[in-house]
Each structure stands twice: as structure tokens, then as C-alpha cells.
Amino acid sequence: MYGGRVEPKILATLRMIVRPERRSDFLETMRSMLEPTRVERGCLSYRLYQDVEDKNAFVLLETWATQENLESHIRKENQQRLLLLMDLLSEQPELRFNTVSHTAGMDLIENVLMTDGLR
């Protein structure tokens, strides 16, 4: 068995393509949201990543301890600012919510390599 059972967590992934002329506005707004969100109850991670191949493509990756924590976050005034960001995007964002109930780490890779005789 790889990794171990964990309490289910909610992983939210939001992919956004920003209009080049609005990139600085987008980044300023996102920076203002990071820290306040990270201290919310149940927020395990809240990070913004930039695509290395497209400087206007970003992924906001959020991890929440429970569905209740995520719903509370969505209702907050701070979160409403995220809706305002939609005007700064060049296309419709992609949003996904996944429930994660199992995680694995390097032990999975090592086990596969050992099984294949590569280690």
C-alpha cells in the first residue's frame, strides 16, 4: 500500500488566462487575497502558480480540510473579489473541485521501480 488513508480533503483548481494588458491588475488583486485566505479556518494551502510556457496563464490551487471549510470560504467577502477577476481574463476559466481521500509520496515511485527491477 502506498502512503496512507487520510481524512478526505477538497482540492480546488482554477486555471486562468489573463489578458496581457491586465496582468499587473490581476497579480495585485491575487496578492491581496493570498494571506487573508491562508489564515481562514480549514485552509491547508492556497497558492498561485504561473505557467512557465505562458506568462499569462495561472493556476490557483487550494486545499481545504473539509467541504464545510470550502463553503465558508466561498461565502466570504474576500472570495467575492475573485469573481471580479473574471473581467481580467481572456477566456473562460477552468474550475475543478476534487475530493482527495488517499495520498502517496516517493514510496509509490520506489515501489514501482523495485517491481520493475529498475532499483
PDB file of N, CA and C in Angstrom:
ATOM      1  N   MET A   1       0.847  -1.188   0.000  1.00  0.00           N
ATOM      2  CA  MET A   1       0.000   0.000   0.000  1.00  0.00           C
ATOM      3  C   MET A   1       0.884   1.239   0.000  1.00  0.00           C
ATOM      4  N   TYR A   2       0.541   2.216  -0.772  1.00  0.00           N
ATOM      5  CA  TYR A   2       1.310   3.447  -0.881  1.00  0.00           C
ATOM      6  C   TYR A   2       0.693   4.498   0.007  1.00  0.00           C
ATOM      7  N   GLY A   3       1.534   5.268   0.697  1.00  0.00           N
ATOM      8  CA  GLY A   3       1.017   6.362   1.517  1.00  0.00           C
ATOM      9  C   GLY A   3       0.098   5.828   2.584  1.00  0.00           C
ATOM     10  N   GLY A   4      -0.988   6.511   2.837  1.00  0.00           N
ATOM     11  CA  GLY A   4      -1.928   6.071   3.846  1.00  0.00           C
ATOM     12  C   GLY A   4      -3.255   6.759   3.696  1.00  0.00           C
ATOM     13  N   ARG A   5      -4.224   6.240   4.415  1.00  0.00           N
ATOM     14  CA  ARG A   5      -5.554   6.844   4.391  1.00  0.00           C
ATOM     15  C   ARG A   5      -5.500   8.156   5.147  1.00  0.00           C
ATOM     16  N   VAL A   6      -6.179   9.119   4.619  1.00  0.00           N
ATOM     17  CA  VAL A   6      -6.269  10.425   5.262  1.00  0.00           C
ATOM     18  C   VAL A   6      -7.721  10.848   5.235  1.00  0.00           C
ATOM     19  N   GLU A   7      -8.062  11.791   6.073  1.00  0.00           N
ATOM     20  CA  GLU A   7      -9.404  12.354   6.002  1.00  0.00           C
ATOM     21  C   GLU A   7      -9.550  13.010   4.636  1.00  0.00           C
ATOM     22  N   PRO A   8     -10.680  12.813   3.965  1.00  0.00           N
ATOM     23  CA  PRO A   8     -10.859  13.437   2.648  1.00  0.00           C
ATOM     24  C   PRO A   8     -10.653  14.949   2.710  1.00  0.00           C
ATOM     25  N   LYS A   9      -9.954  15.455   1.738  1.00  0.00           N
ATOM     26  CA  LYS A   9      -9.707  16.892   1.619  1.00  0.00           C
ATOM     27  C   LYS A   9     -10.278  17.354   0.284  1.00  0.00           C
ATOM     28  N   ILE A  10     -10.550  18.635   0.191  1.00  0.00           N
ATOM     29  CA  ILE A  10     -11.082  19.200  -1.039  1.00  0.00           C
ATOM     30  C   ILE A  10      -9.961  19.962  -1.741  1.00  0.00           C
ATOM     31  N   LEU A  11      -9.703  19.608  -2.972  1.00  0.00           N
ATOM     32  CA  LEU A  11      -8.691  20.267  -3.787  1.00  0.00           C
ATOM     33  C   LEU A  11      -9.414  21.050  -4.878  1.00  0.00           C
ATOM     34  N   ALA A  12      -9.251  22.361  -4.854  1.00  0.00           N
ATOM     35  CA  ALA A  12      -9.864  23.232  -5.864  1.00  0.00           C
ATOM     36  C   ALA A  12      -8.764  23.728  -6.788  1.00  0.00           C
ATOM     37  N   THR A  13      -8.988  23.606  -8.085  1.00  0.00           N
ATOM     38  CA  THR A  13      -8.025  24.036  -9.091  1.00  0.00           C
ATOM     39  C   THR A  13      -8.720  24.999 -10.048  1.00  0.00           C
ATOM     40  N   LEU A  14      -8.184  26.202 -10.138  1.00  0.00           N
ATOM     41  CA  LEU A  14      -8.745  27.224 -11.019  1.00  0.00           C
ATOM     42  C   LEU A  14      -7.657  27.665 -11.989  1.00  0.00           C
ATOM     43  N   ARG A  15      -7.856  27.367 -13.283  1.00  0.00           N
ATOM     44  CA  ARG A  15      -6.890  27.762 -14.318  1.00  0.00           C
ATOM     45  C   ARG A  15      -7.422  28.999 -15.016  1.00  0.00           C
ATOM     46  N   MET A  16      -6.575  30.034 -15.096  1.00  0.00           N
ATOM     47  CA  MET A  16      -6.990  31.318 -15.655  1.00  0.00           C
ATOM     48  C   MET A  16      -5.964  31.818 -16.667  1.00  0.00           C
ATOM     49  N   ILE A  17      -6.459  32.349 -17.780  1.00  0.00           N
ATOM     50  CA  ILE A  17      -5.612  33.004 -18.775  1.00  0.00           C
ATOM     51  C   ILE A  17      -5.947  34.494 -18.712  1.00  0.00           C
ATOM     52  N   VAL A  18      -4.949  35.287 -18.335  1.00  0.00           N
ATOM     53  CA  VAL A  18      -5.150  36.719 -18.105  1.00  0.00           C
ATOM     54  C   VAL A  18      -4.876  37.504 -19.387  1.00  0.00           C
ATOM     55  N   ARG A  19      -5.696  38.519 -19.628  1.00  0.00           N
ATOM     56  CA  ARG A  19      -5.422  39.416 -20.756  1.00  0.00           C
ATOM     57  C   ARG A  19      -4.087  40.108 -20.475  1.00  0.00           C
ATOM     58  N   PRO A  20      -3.161  40.104 -21.421  1.00  0.00           N
ATOM     59  CA  PRO A  20      -1.824  40.659 -21.185  1.00  0.00           C
ATOM     60  C   PRO A  20      -1.835  42.077 -20.617  1.00  0.00           C
ATOM     61  N   GLU A  21      -2.721  42.922 -21.105  1.00  0.00           N
ATOM     62  CA  GLU A  21      -2.759  44.311 -20.636  1.00  0.00           C
ATOM     63  C   GLU A  21      -3.328  44.445 -19.224  1.00  0.00           C
ATOM     64  N   ARG A  22      -3.898  43.372 -18.675  1.00  0.00           N
ATOM     65  CA  ARG A  22      -4.481  43.415 -17.323  1.00  0.00           C
ATOM     66  C   ARG A  22      -3.700  42.553 -16.327  1.00  0.00           C
ATOM     67  N   ARG A  23      -2.559  42.044 -16.764  1.00  0.00           N
ATOM     68  CA  ARG A  23      -1.763  41.133 -15.934  1.00  0.00           C
ATOM     69  C   ARG A  23      -1.381  41.754 -14.591  1.00  0.00           C
ATOM     70  N   SER A  24      -0.918  42.989 -14.580  1.00  0.00           N
ATOM     71  CA  SER A  24      -0.494  43.617 -13.316  1.00  0.00           C
ATOM     72  C   SER A  24      -1.684  43.810 -12.373  1.00  0.00           C
ATOM     73  N   ASP A  25      -2.852  44.156 -12.901  1.00  0.00           N
ATOM     74  CA  ASP A  25      -4.056  44.273 -12.066  1.00  0.00           C
ATOM     75  C   ASP A  25      -4.425  42.921 -11.458  1.00  0.00           C
ATOM     76  N   PHE A  26      -4.322  41.898 -12.284  1.00  0.00           N
ATOM     77  CA  PHE A  26      -4.622  40.542 -11.825  1.00  0.00           C
ATOM     78  C   PHE A  26      -3.699  40.141 -10.675  1.00  0.00           C
ATOM     79  N   LEU A  27      -2.398  40.334 -10.874  1.00  0.00           N
ATOM     80  CA  LEU A  27      -1.424  39.947  -9.849  1.00  0.00           C
ATOM     81  C   LEU A  27      -1.608  40.743  -8.563  1.00  0.00           C
ATOM     82  N   GLU A  28      -1.882  42.008  -8.676  1.00  0.00           N
ATOM     83  CA  GLU A  28      -2.098  42.845  -7.492  1.00  0.00           C
ATOM     84  C   GLU A  28      -3.299  42.336  -6.692  1.00  0.00           C
ATOM     85  N   THR A  29      -4.368  42.031  -7.381  1.00  0.00           N
ATOM     86  CA  THR A  29      -5.563  41.529  -6.699  1.00  0.00           C
ATOM     87  C   THR A  29      -5.303  40.166  -6.072  1.00  0.00           C
ATOM     88  N   MET A  30      -4.652  39.288  -6.803  1.00  0.00           N
ATOM     89  CA  MET A  30      -4.364  37.956  -6.260  1.00  0.00           C
ATOM     90  C   MET A  30      -3.456  38.044  -5.035  1.00  0.00           C
ATOM     91  N   ARG A  31      -2.432  38.880  -5.098  1.00  0.00           N
ATOM     92  CA  ARG A  31      -1.537  39.028  -3.939  1.00  0.00           C
ATOM     93  C   ARG A  31      -2.300  39.486  -2.707  1.00  0.00           C
ATOM     94  N   SER A  32      -3.279  40.353  -2.906  1.00  0.00           N
ATOM     95  CA  SER A  32      -4.051  40.860  -1.766  1.00  0.00           C
ATOM     96  C   SER A  32      -4.951  39.784  -1.159  1.00  0.00           C
ATOM     97  N   MET A  33      -5.205  38.720  -1.890  1.00  0.00           N
ATOM     98  CA  MET A  33      -6.088  37.660  -1.412  1.00  0.00           C
ATOM     99  C   MET A  33      -5.345  36.502  -0.757  1.00  0.00           C
ATOM    100  N   LEU A  34      -4.078  36.331  -1.066  1.00  0.00           N
ATOM    101  CA  LEU A  34      -3.354  35.146  -0.620  1.00  0.00           C
ATOM    102  C   LEU A  34      -3.318  34.996   0.897  1.00  0.00           C
ATOM    103  N   GLU A  35      -2.745  35.955   1.584  1.00  0.00           N
ATOM    104  CA  GLU A  35      -2.563  35.817   3.031  1.00  0.00           C
ATOM    105  C   GLU A  35      -3.881  35.757   3.800  1.00  0.00           C
ATOM    106  N   PRO A  36      -4.851  36.630   3.515  1.00  0.00           N
ATOM    107  CA  PRO A  36      -6.126  36.529   4.237  1.00  0.00           C
ATOM    108  C   PRO A  36      -6.799  35.163   4.066  1.00  0.00           C
ATOM    109  N   THR A  37      -6.659  34.577   2.895  1.00  0.00           N
ATOM    110  CA  THR A  37      -7.272  33.264   2.666  1.00  0.00           C
ATOM    111  C   THR A  37      -6.510  32.179   3.402  1.00  0.00           C
ATOM    112  N   ARG A  38      -5.196  32.269   3.424  1.00  0.00           N
ATOM    113  CA  ARG A  38      -4.384  31.228   4.066  1.00  0.00           C
ATOM    114  C   ARG A  38      -4.657  31.087   5.562  1.00  0.00           C
ATOM    115  N   VAL A  39      -5.156  32.139   6.194  1.00  0.00           N
ATOM    116  CA  VAL A  39      -5.424  32.058   7.637  1.00  0.00           C
ATOM    117  C   VAL A  39      -6.874  31.670   7.940  1.00  0.00           C
ATOM    118  N   GLU A  40      -7.663  31.438   6.912  1.00  0.00           N
ATOM    119  CA  GLU A  40      -9.045  31.005   7.135  1.00  0.00           C
ATOM    120  C   GLU A  40      -9.064  29.599   7.720  1.00  0.00           C
ATOM    121  N   ARG A  41     -10.075  29.344   8.515  1.00  0.00           N
ATOM    122  CA  ARG A  41     -10.247  28.025   9.132  1.00  0.00           C
ATOM    123  C   ARG A  41     -10.343  26.950   8.043  1.00  0.00           C
ATOM    124  N   GLY A  42      -9.515  25.935   8.181  1.00  0.00           N
ATOM    125  CA  GLY A  42      -9.557  24.801   7.266  1.00  0.00           C
ATOM    126  C   GLY A  42      -8.755  24.956   5.989  1.00  0.00           C
ATOM    127  N   CYS A  43      -8.127  26.114   5.780  1.00  0.00           N
ATOM    128  CA  CYS A  43      -7.304  26.297   4.580  1.00  0.00           C
ATOM    129  C   CYS A  43      -5.951  25.626   4.824  1.00  0.00           C
ATOM    130  N   LEU A  44      -5.669  24.592   4.065  1.00  0.00           N
ATOM    131  CA  LEU A  44      -4.405  23.878   4.202  1.00  0.00           C
ATOM    132  C   LEU A  44      -3.356  24.410   3.235  1.00  0.00           C
ATOM    133  N   SER A  45      -3.822  24.973   2.127  1.00  0.00           N
ATOM    134  CA  SER A  45      -2.911  25.544   1.135  1.00  0.00           C
ATOM    135  C   SER A  45      -3.706  26.442   0.200  1.00  0.00           C
ATOM    136  N   TYR A  46      -3.092  27.565  -0.199  1.00  0.00           N
ATOM    137  CA  TYR A  46      -3.718  28.497  -1.143  1.00  0.00           C
ATOM    138  C   TYR A  46      -2.575  29.142  -1.903  1.00  0.00           C
ATOM    139  N   ARG A  47      -2.313  28.656  -3.113  1.00  0.00           N
ATOM    140  CA  ARG A  47      -1.139  29.091  -3.862  1.00  0.00           C
ATOM    141  C   ARG A  47      -1.494  29.404  -5.311  1.00  0.00           C
ATOM    142  N   LEU A  48      -0.808  30.423  -5.822  1.00  0.00           N
ATOM    143  CA  LEU A  48      -0.970  30.819  -7.215  1.00  0.00           C
ATOM    144  C   LEU A  48       0.300  30.451  -7.966  1.00  0.00           C
ATOM    145  N   TYR A  49       0.149  29.737  -9.078  1.00  0.00           N
ATOM    146  CA  TYR A  49       1.279  29.307  -9.893  1.00  0.00           C
ATOM    147  C   TYR A  49       1.156  29.897 -11.294  1.00  0.00           C
ATOM    148  N   GLN A  50       2.317  30.241 -11.862  1.00  0.00           N
ATOM    149  CA  GLN A  50       2.365  30.761 -13.231  1.00  0.00           C
ATOM    150  C   GLN A  50       2.929  29.682 -14.147  1.00  0.00           C
ATOM    151  N   ASP A  51       2.338  29.522 -15.304  1.00  0.00           N
ATOM    152  CA  ASP A  51       2.798  28.570 -16.308  1.00  0.00           C
ATOM    153  C   ASP A  51       4.154  29.038 -16.849  1.00  0.00           C
ATOM    154  N   VAL A  52       5.128  28.145 -16.929  1.00  0.00           N
ATOM    155  CA  VAL A  52       6.454  28.532 -17.424  1.00  0.00           C
ATOM    156  C   VAL A  52       6.467  28.757 -18.935  1.00  0.00           C
ATOM    157  N   GLU A  53       5.443  28.278 -19.636  1.00  0.00           N
ATOM    158  CA  GLU A  53       5.387  28.446 -21.087  1.00  0.00           C
ATOM    159  C   GLU A  53       4.485  29.594 -21.523  1.00  0.00           C
ATOM    160  N   ASP A  54       3.683  30.113 -20.603  1.00  0.00           N
ATOM    161  CA  ASP A  54       2.766  31.210 -20.929  1.00  0.00           C
ATOM    162  C   ASP A  54       2.650  32.107 -19.704  1.00  0.00           C
ATOM    163  N   LYS A  55       3.287  33.267 -19.751  1.00  0.00           N
ATOM    164  CA  LYS A  55       3.326  34.137 -18.572  1.00  0.00           C
ATOM    165  C   LYS A  55       1.960  34.689 -18.182  1.00  0.00           C
ATOM    166  N   ASN A  56       0.962  34.511 -19.022  1.00  0.00           N
ATOM    167  CA  ASN A  56      -0.387  34.987 -18.709  1.00  0.00           C
ATOM    168  C   ASN A  56      -1.322  33.867 -18.252  1.00  0.00           C
ATOM    169  N   ALA A  57      -0.784  32.669 -18.104  1.00  0.00           N
ATOM    170  CA  ALA A  57      -1.571  31.528 -17.632  1.00  0.00           C
ATOM    171  C   ALA A  57      -1.220  31.248 -16.171  1.00  0.00           C
ATOM    172  N   PHE A  58      -2.247  31.132 -15.347  1.00  0.00           N
ATOM    173  CA  PHE A  58      -2.063  30.921 -13.912  1.00  0.00           C
ATOM    174  C   PHE A  58      -2.974  29.801 -13.426  1.00  0.00           C
ATOM    175  N   VAL A  59      -2.531  29.132 -12.379  1.00  0.00           N
ATOM    176  CA  VAL A  59      -3.355  28.137 -11.707  1.00  0.00           C
ATOM    177  C   VAL A  59      -3.399  28.501 -10.232  1.00  0.00           C
ATOM    178  N   LEU A  60      -4.600  28.630  -9.719  1.00  0.00           N
ATOM    179  CA  LEU A  60      -4.817  28.828  -8.290  1.00  0.00           C
ATOM    180  C   LEU A  60      -5.161  27.465  -7.723  1.00  0.00           C
ATOM    181  N   LEU A  61      -4.335  26.981  -6.803  1.00  0.00           N
ATOM    182  CA  LEU A  61      -4.513  25.661  -6.212  1.00  0.00           C
ATOM    183  C   LEU A  61      -4.836  25.832  -4.735  1.00  0.00           C
ATOM    184  N   GLU A  62      -6.009  25.355  -4.346  1.00  0.00           N
ATOM    185  CA  GLU A  62      -6.471  25.477  -2.965  1.00  0.00           C
ATOM    186  C   GLU A  62      -6.696  24.085  -2.389  1.00  0.00           C
ATOM    187  N   THR A  63      -6.331  23.896  -1.127  1.00  0.00           N
ATOM    188  CA  THR A  63      -6.632  22.654  -0.431  1.00  0.00           C
ATOM    189  C   THR A  63      -7.363  23.006   0.854  1.00  0.00           C
ATOM    190  N   TRP A  64      -8.521  22.375   1.051  1.00  0.00           N
ATOM    191  CA  TRP A  64      -9.380  22.641   2.205  1.00  0.00           C
ATOM    192  C   TRP A  64      -9.591  21.361   3.000  1.00  0.00           C
ATOM    193  N   ALA A  65      -9.603  21.497   4.320  1.00  0.00           N
ATOM    194  CA  ALA A  65      -9.744  20.343   5.204  1.00  0.00           C
ATOM    195  C   ALA A  65     -11.098  19.663   5.050  1.00  0.00           C
ATOM    196  N   THR A  66     -12.150  20.453   4.848  1.00  0.00           N
ATOM    197  CA  THR A  66     -13.494  19.884   4.732  1.00  0.00           C
ATOM    198  C   THR A  66     -14.319  20.648   3.702  1.00  0.00           C
ATOM    199  N   GLN A  67     -15.391  20.038   3.281  1.00  0.00           N
ATOM    200  CA  GLN A  67     -16.345  20.693   2.387  1.00  0.00           C
ATOM    201  C   GLN A  67     -16.930  21.924   3.073  1.00  0.00           C
ATOM    202  N   GLU A  68     -17.198  21.807   4.363  1.00  0.00           N
ATOM    203  CA  GLU A  68     -17.745  22.930   5.137  1.00  0.00           C
ATOM    204  C   GLU A  68     -16.788  24.122   5.123  1.00  0.00           C
ATOM    205  N   ASN A  69     -15.487  23.856   5.286  1.00  0.00           N
ATOM    206  CA  ASN A  69     -14.491  24.935   5.239  1.00  0.00           C
ATOM    207  C   ASN A  69     -14.480  25.613   3.877  1.00  0.00           C
ATOM    208  N   LEU A  70     -14.550  24.827   2.818  1.00  0.00           N
ATOM    209  CA  LEU A  70     -14.574  25.387   1.466  1.00  0.00           C
ATOM    210  C   LEU A  70     -15.811  26.258   1.270  1.00  0.00           C
ATOM    211  N   GLU A  71     -16.960  25.774   1.692  1.00  0.00           N
ATOM    212  CA  GLU A  71     -18.197  26.539   1.526  1.00  0.00           C
ATOM    213  C   GLU A  71     -18.153  27.842   2.314  1.00  0.00           C
ATOM    214  N   SER A  72     -17.585  27.805   3.507  1.00  0.00           N
ATOM    215  CA  SER A  72     -17.432  29.020   4.311  1.00  0.00           C
ATOM    216  C   SER A  72     -16.538  30.021   3.578  1.00  0.00           C
ATOM    217  N   HIS A  73     -15.471  29.525   2.986  1.00  0.00           N
ATOM    218  CA  HIS A  73     -14.547  30.367   2.215  1.00  0.00           C
ATOM    219  C   HIS A  73     -15.259  31.030   1.033  1.00  0.00           C
ATOM    220  N   ILE A  74     -16.060  30.268   0.322  1.00  0.00           N
ATOM    221  CA  ILE A  74     -16.765  30.795  -0.851  1.00  0.00           C
ATOM    222  C   ILE A  74     -17.699  31.933  -0.454  1.00  0.00           C
ATOM    223  N   ARG A  75     -18.273  31.843   0.731  1.00  0.00           N
ATOM    224  CA  ARG A  75     -19.218  32.866   1.193  1.00  0.00           C
ATOM    225  C   ARG A  75     -18.541  34.152   1.663  1.00  0.00           C
ATOM    226  N   LYS A  76     -17.256  34.127   1.897  1.00  0.00           N
ATOM    227  CA  LYS A  76     -16.551  35.299   2.437  1.00  0.00           C
ATOM    228  C   LYS A  76     -16.445  36.425   1.412  1.00  0.00           C
ATOM    229  N   GLU A  77     -16.436  37.655   1.940  1.00  0.00           N
ATOM    230  CA  GLU A  77     -16.319  38.853   1.091  1.00  0.00           C
ATOM    231  C   GLU A  77     -15.033  38.823   0.277  1.00  0.00           C
ATOM    232  N   ASN A  78     -13.940  38.362   0.894  1.00  0.00           N
ATOM    233  CA  ASN A  78     -12.648  38.280   0.208  1.00  0.00           C
ATOM    234  C   ASN A  78     -12.766  37.443  -1.062  1.00  0.00           C
ATOM    235  N   GLN A  79     -13.527  36.372  -0.977  1.00  0.00           N
ATOM    236  CA  GLN A  79     -13.690  35.481  -2.124  1.00  0.00           C
ATOM    237  C   GLN A  79     -14.457  36.157  -3.257  1.00  0.00           C
ATOM    238  N   GLN A  80     -15.305  37.089  -2.928  1.00  0.00           N
ATOM    239  CA  GLN A  80     -16.082  37.782  -3.960  1.00  0.00           C
ATOM    240  C   GLN A  80     -15.159  38.557  -4.909  1.00  0.00           C
ATOM    241  N   ARG A  81     -13.972  38.934  -4.408  1.00  0.00           N
ATOM    242  CA  ARG A  81     -13.003  39.622  -5.274  1.00  0.00           C
ATOM    243  C   ARG A  81     -12.543  38.731  -6.419  1.00  0.00           C
ATOM    244  N   LEU A  82     -12.526  37.438  -6.166  1.00  0.00           N
ATOM    245  CA  LEU A  82     -12.127  36.504  -7.216  1.00  0.00           C
ATOM    246  C   LEU A  82     -13.088  36.593  -8.403  1.00  0.00           C
ATOM    247  N   LEU A  83     -14.350  36.806  -8.124  1.00  0.00           N
ATOM    248  CA  LEU A  83     -15.332  36.951  -9.205  1.00  0.00           C
ATOM    249  C   LEU A  83     -15.040  38.186 -10.053  1.00  0.00           C
ATOM    250  N   LEU A  84     -14.536  39.236  -9.414  1.00  0.00           N
ATOM    251  CA  LEU A  84     -14.194  40.453 -10.153  1.00  0.00           C
ATOM    252  C   LEU A  84     -13.028  40.227 -11.115  1.00  0.00           C
ATOM    253  N   LEU A  85     -12.193  39.259 -10.791  1.00  0.00           N
ATOM    254  CA  LEU A  85     -11.042  38.959 -11.650  1.00  0.00           C
ATOM    255  C   LEU A  85     -11.461  38.421 -13.010  1.00  0.00           C
ATOM    256  N   MET A  86     -12.652  37.889 -13.105  1.00  0.00           N
ATOM    257  CA  MET A  86     -13.097  37.288 -14.364  1.00  0.00           C
ATOM    258  C   MET A  86     -13.060  38.298 -15.510  1.00  0.00           C
ATOM    259  N   ASP A  87     -13.241  39.575 -15.199  1.00  0.00           N
ATOM    260  CA  ASP A  87     -13.169  40.617 -16.232  1.00  0.00           C
ATOM    261  C   ASP A  87     -11.753  40.807 -16.767  1.00  0.00           C
ATOM    262  N   LEU A  88     -10.768  40.312 -16.027  1.00  0.00           N
ATOM    263  CA  LEU A  88      -9.372  40.470 -16.434  1.00  0.00           C
ATOM    264  C   LEU A  88      -8.880  39.303 -17.289  1.00  0.00           C
ATOM    265  N   LEU A  89      -9.720  38.308 -17.464  1.00  0.00           N
ATOM    266  CA  LEU A  89      -9.313  37.097 -18.179  1.00  0.00           C
ATOM    267  C   LEU A  89      -9.643  37.181 -19.662  1.00  0.00           C
ATOM    268  N   SER A  90      -8.836  36.482 -20.454  1.00  0.00           N
ATOM    269  CA  SER A  90      -9.057  36.482 -21.900  1.00  0.00           C
ATOM    270  C   SER A  90      -9.978  35.349 -22.347  1.00  0.00           C
ATOM    271  N   GLU A  91     -10.232  34.405 -21.456  1.00  0.00           N
ATOM    272  CA  GLU A  91     -11.137  33.304 -21.779  1.00  0.00           C
ATOM    273  C   GLU A  91     -11.769  32.769 -20.497  1.00  0.00           C
ATOM    274  N   GLN A  92     -12.782  31.941 -20.677  1.00  0.00           N
ATOM    275  CA  GLN A  92     -13.488  31.357 -19.538  1.00  0.00           C
ATOM    276  C   GLN A  92     -12.512  30.529 -18.697  1.00  0.00           C
ATOM    277  N   PRO A  93     -12.483  30.710 -17.381  1.00  0.00           N
ATOM    278  CA  PRO A  93     -11.574  29.922 -16.544  1.00  0.00           C
ATOM    279  C   PRO A  93     -12.050  28.472 -16.428  1.00  0.00           C
ATOM    280  N   GLU A  94     -11.124  27.594 -16.092  1.00  0.00           N
ATOM    281  CA  GLU A  94     -11.444  26.185 -15.844  1.00  0.00           C
ATOM    282  C   GLU A  94     -11.405  25.974 -14.339  1.00  0.00           C
ATOM    283  N   LEU A  95     -12.494  25.495 -13.761  1.00  0.00           N
ATOM    284  CA  LEU A  95     -12.582  25.282 -12.320  1.00  0.00           C
ATOM    285  C   LEU A  95     -12.945  23.837 -12.042  1.00  0.00           C
ATOM    286  N   ARG A  96     -12.202  23.202 -11.140  1.00  0.00           N
ATOM    287  CA  ARG A  96     -12.448  21.814 -10.753  1.00  0.00           C
ATOM    288  C   ARG A  96     -12.351  21.692  -9.237  1.00  0.00           C
ATOM    289  N   PHE A  97     -13.259  20.894  -8.669  1.00  0.00           N
ATOM    290  CA  PHE A  97     -13.201  20.538  -7.258  1.00  0.00           C
ATOM    291  C   PHE A  97     -13.047  19.024  -7.184  1.00  0.00           C
ATOM    292  N   ASN A  98     -12.016  18.571  -6.485  1.00  0.00           N
ATOM    293  CA  ASN A  98     -11.768  17.140  -6.325  1.00  0.00           C
ATOM    294  C   ASN A  98     -11.705  16.802  -4.848  1.00  0.00           C
ATOM    295  N   THR A  99     -12.267  15.663  -4.494  1.00  0.00           N
ATOM    296  CA  THR A  99     -12.163  15.160  -3.131  1.00  0.00           C
ATOM    297  C   THR A  99     -11.038  14.134  -3.106  1.00  0.00           C
ATOM    298  N   VAL A 100     -10.049  14.371  -2.261  1.00  0.00           N
ATOM    299  CA  VAL A 100      -8.873  13.507  -2.176  1.00  0.00           C
ATOM    300  C   VAL A 100      -8.957  12.714  -0.875  1.00  0.00           C
ATOM    301  N   SER A 101      -8.968  11.392  -1.002  1.00  0.00           N
ATOM    302  CA  SER A 101      -9.068  10.557   0.191  1.00  0.00           C
ATOM    303  C   SER A 101      -7.845   9.671   0.394  1.00  0.00           C
ATOM    304  N   HIS A 102      -6.899   9.746  -0.519  1.00  0.00           N
ATOM    305  CA  HIS A 102      -5.686   8.933  -0.401  1.00  0.00           C
ATOM    306  C   HIS A 102      -4.526   9.714  -1.012  1.00  0.00           C
ATOM    307  N   THR A 103      -3.397   9.679  -0.348  1.00  0.00           N
ATOM    308  CA  THR A 103      -2.203  10.319  -0.891  1.00  0.00           C
ATOM    309  C   THR A 103      -1.033   9.344  -0.845  1.00  0.00           C
ATOM    310  N   ALA A 104      -0.080   9.550  -1.725  1.00  0.00           N
ATOM    311  CA  ALA A 104       1.133   8.746  -1.757  1.00  0.00           C
ATOM    312  C   ALA A 104       2.298   9.681  -2.028  1.00  0.00           C
ATOM    313  N   GLY A 105       3.480   9.216  -1.708  1.00  0.00           N
ATOM    314  CA  GLY A 105       4.676  10.020  -1.918  1.00  0.00           C
ATOM    315  C   GLY A 105       5.716   9.233  -2.695  1.00  0.00           C
ATOM    316  N   MET A 106       6.967   9.467  -2.345  1.00  0.00           N
ATOM    317  CA  MET A 106       8.078   8.803  -3.030  1.00  0.00           C
ATOM    318  C   MET A 106       7.997   7.286  -2.904  1.00  0.00           C
ATOM    319  N   ASP A 107       7.344   6.803  -1.846  1.00  0.00           N
ATOM    320  CA  ASP A 107       7.235   5.358  -1.666  1.00  0.00           C
ATOM    321  C   ASP A 107       6.531   4.697  -2.850  1.00  0.00           C
ATOM    322  N   LEU A 108       5.595   5.377  -3.470  1.00  0.00           N
ATOM    323  CA  LEU A 108       4.911   4.834  -4.643  1.00  0.00           C
ATOM    324  C   LEU A 108       5.899   4.663  -5.797  1.00  0.00           C
ATOM    325  N   ILE A 109       6.709   5.682  -6.054  1.00  0.00           N
ATOM    326  CA  ILE A 109       7.686   5.619  -7.145  1.00  0.00           C
ATOM    327  C   ILE A 109       8.711   4.523  -6.876  1.00  0.00           C
ATOM    328  N   GLU A 110       9.219   4.469  -5.642  1.00  0.00           N
ATOM    329  CA  GLU A 110      10.206   3.451  -5.296  1.00  0.00           C
ATOM    330  C   GLU A 110       9.636   2.053  -5.459  1.00  0.00           C
ATOM    331  N   ASN A 111       8.393   1.847  -5.064  1.00  0.00           N
ATOM    332  CA  ASN A 111       7.760   0.540  -5.186  1.00  0.00           C
ATOM    333  C   ASN A 111       7.608   0.145  -6.651  1.00  0.00           C
ATOM    334  N   VAL A 112       7.196   1.070  -7.499  1.00  0.00           N
ATOM    335  CA  VAL A 112       7.047   0.785  -8.933  1.00  0.00           C
ATOM    336  C   VAL A 112       8.399   0.434  -9.539  1.00  0.00           C
ATOM    337  N   LEU A 113       9.429   1.213  -9.203  1.00  0.00           N
ATOM    338  CA  LEU A 113      10.760   0.947  -9.753  1.00  0.00           C
ATOM    339  C   LEU A 113      11.301  -0.394  -9.278  1.00  0.00           C
ATOM    340  N   MET A 114      11.066  -0.733  -8.009  1.00  0.00           N
ATOM    341  CA  MET A 114      11.523  -2.026  -7.492  1.00  0.00           C
ATOM    342  C   MET A 114      10.766  -3.166  -8.163  1.00  0.00           C
ATOM    343  N   THR A 115       9.472  -2.994  -8.354  1.00  0.00           N
ATOM    344  CA  THR A 115       8.654  -4.016  -9.010  1.00  0.00           C
ATOM    345  C   THR A 115       9.134  -4.252 -10.433  1.00  0.00           C
ATOM    346  N   ASP A 116       9.545  -3.194 -11.108  1.00  0.00           N
ATOM    347  CA  ASP A 116      10.038  -3.299 -12.487  1.00  0.00           C
ATOM    348  C   ASP A 116      11.517  -3.678 -12.549  1.00  0.00           C
ATOM    349  N   GLY A 117      12.169  -3.866 -11.393  1.00  0.00           N
ATOM    350  CA  GLY A 117      13.573  -4.225 -11.361  1.00  0.00           C
ATOM    351  C   GLY A 117      14.501  -3.092 -11.735  1.00  0.00           C
ATOM    352  N   LEU A 118      14.025  -1.866 -11.637  1.00  0.00           N
ATOM    353  CA  LEU A 118      14.839  -0.708 -12.009  1.00  0.00           C
ATOM    354  C   LEU A 118      15.558  -0.101 -10.819  1.00  0.00           C
ATOM    355  N   ARG A 119      15.367  -0.678  -9.664  1.00  0.00           N
ATOM    356  CA  ARG A 119      16.010  -0.125  -8.475  1.00  0.00           C
ATOM    357  C   ARG A 119      16.462  -1.235  -7.574  1.00  0.00           C
TER     358      ARG A 119
END
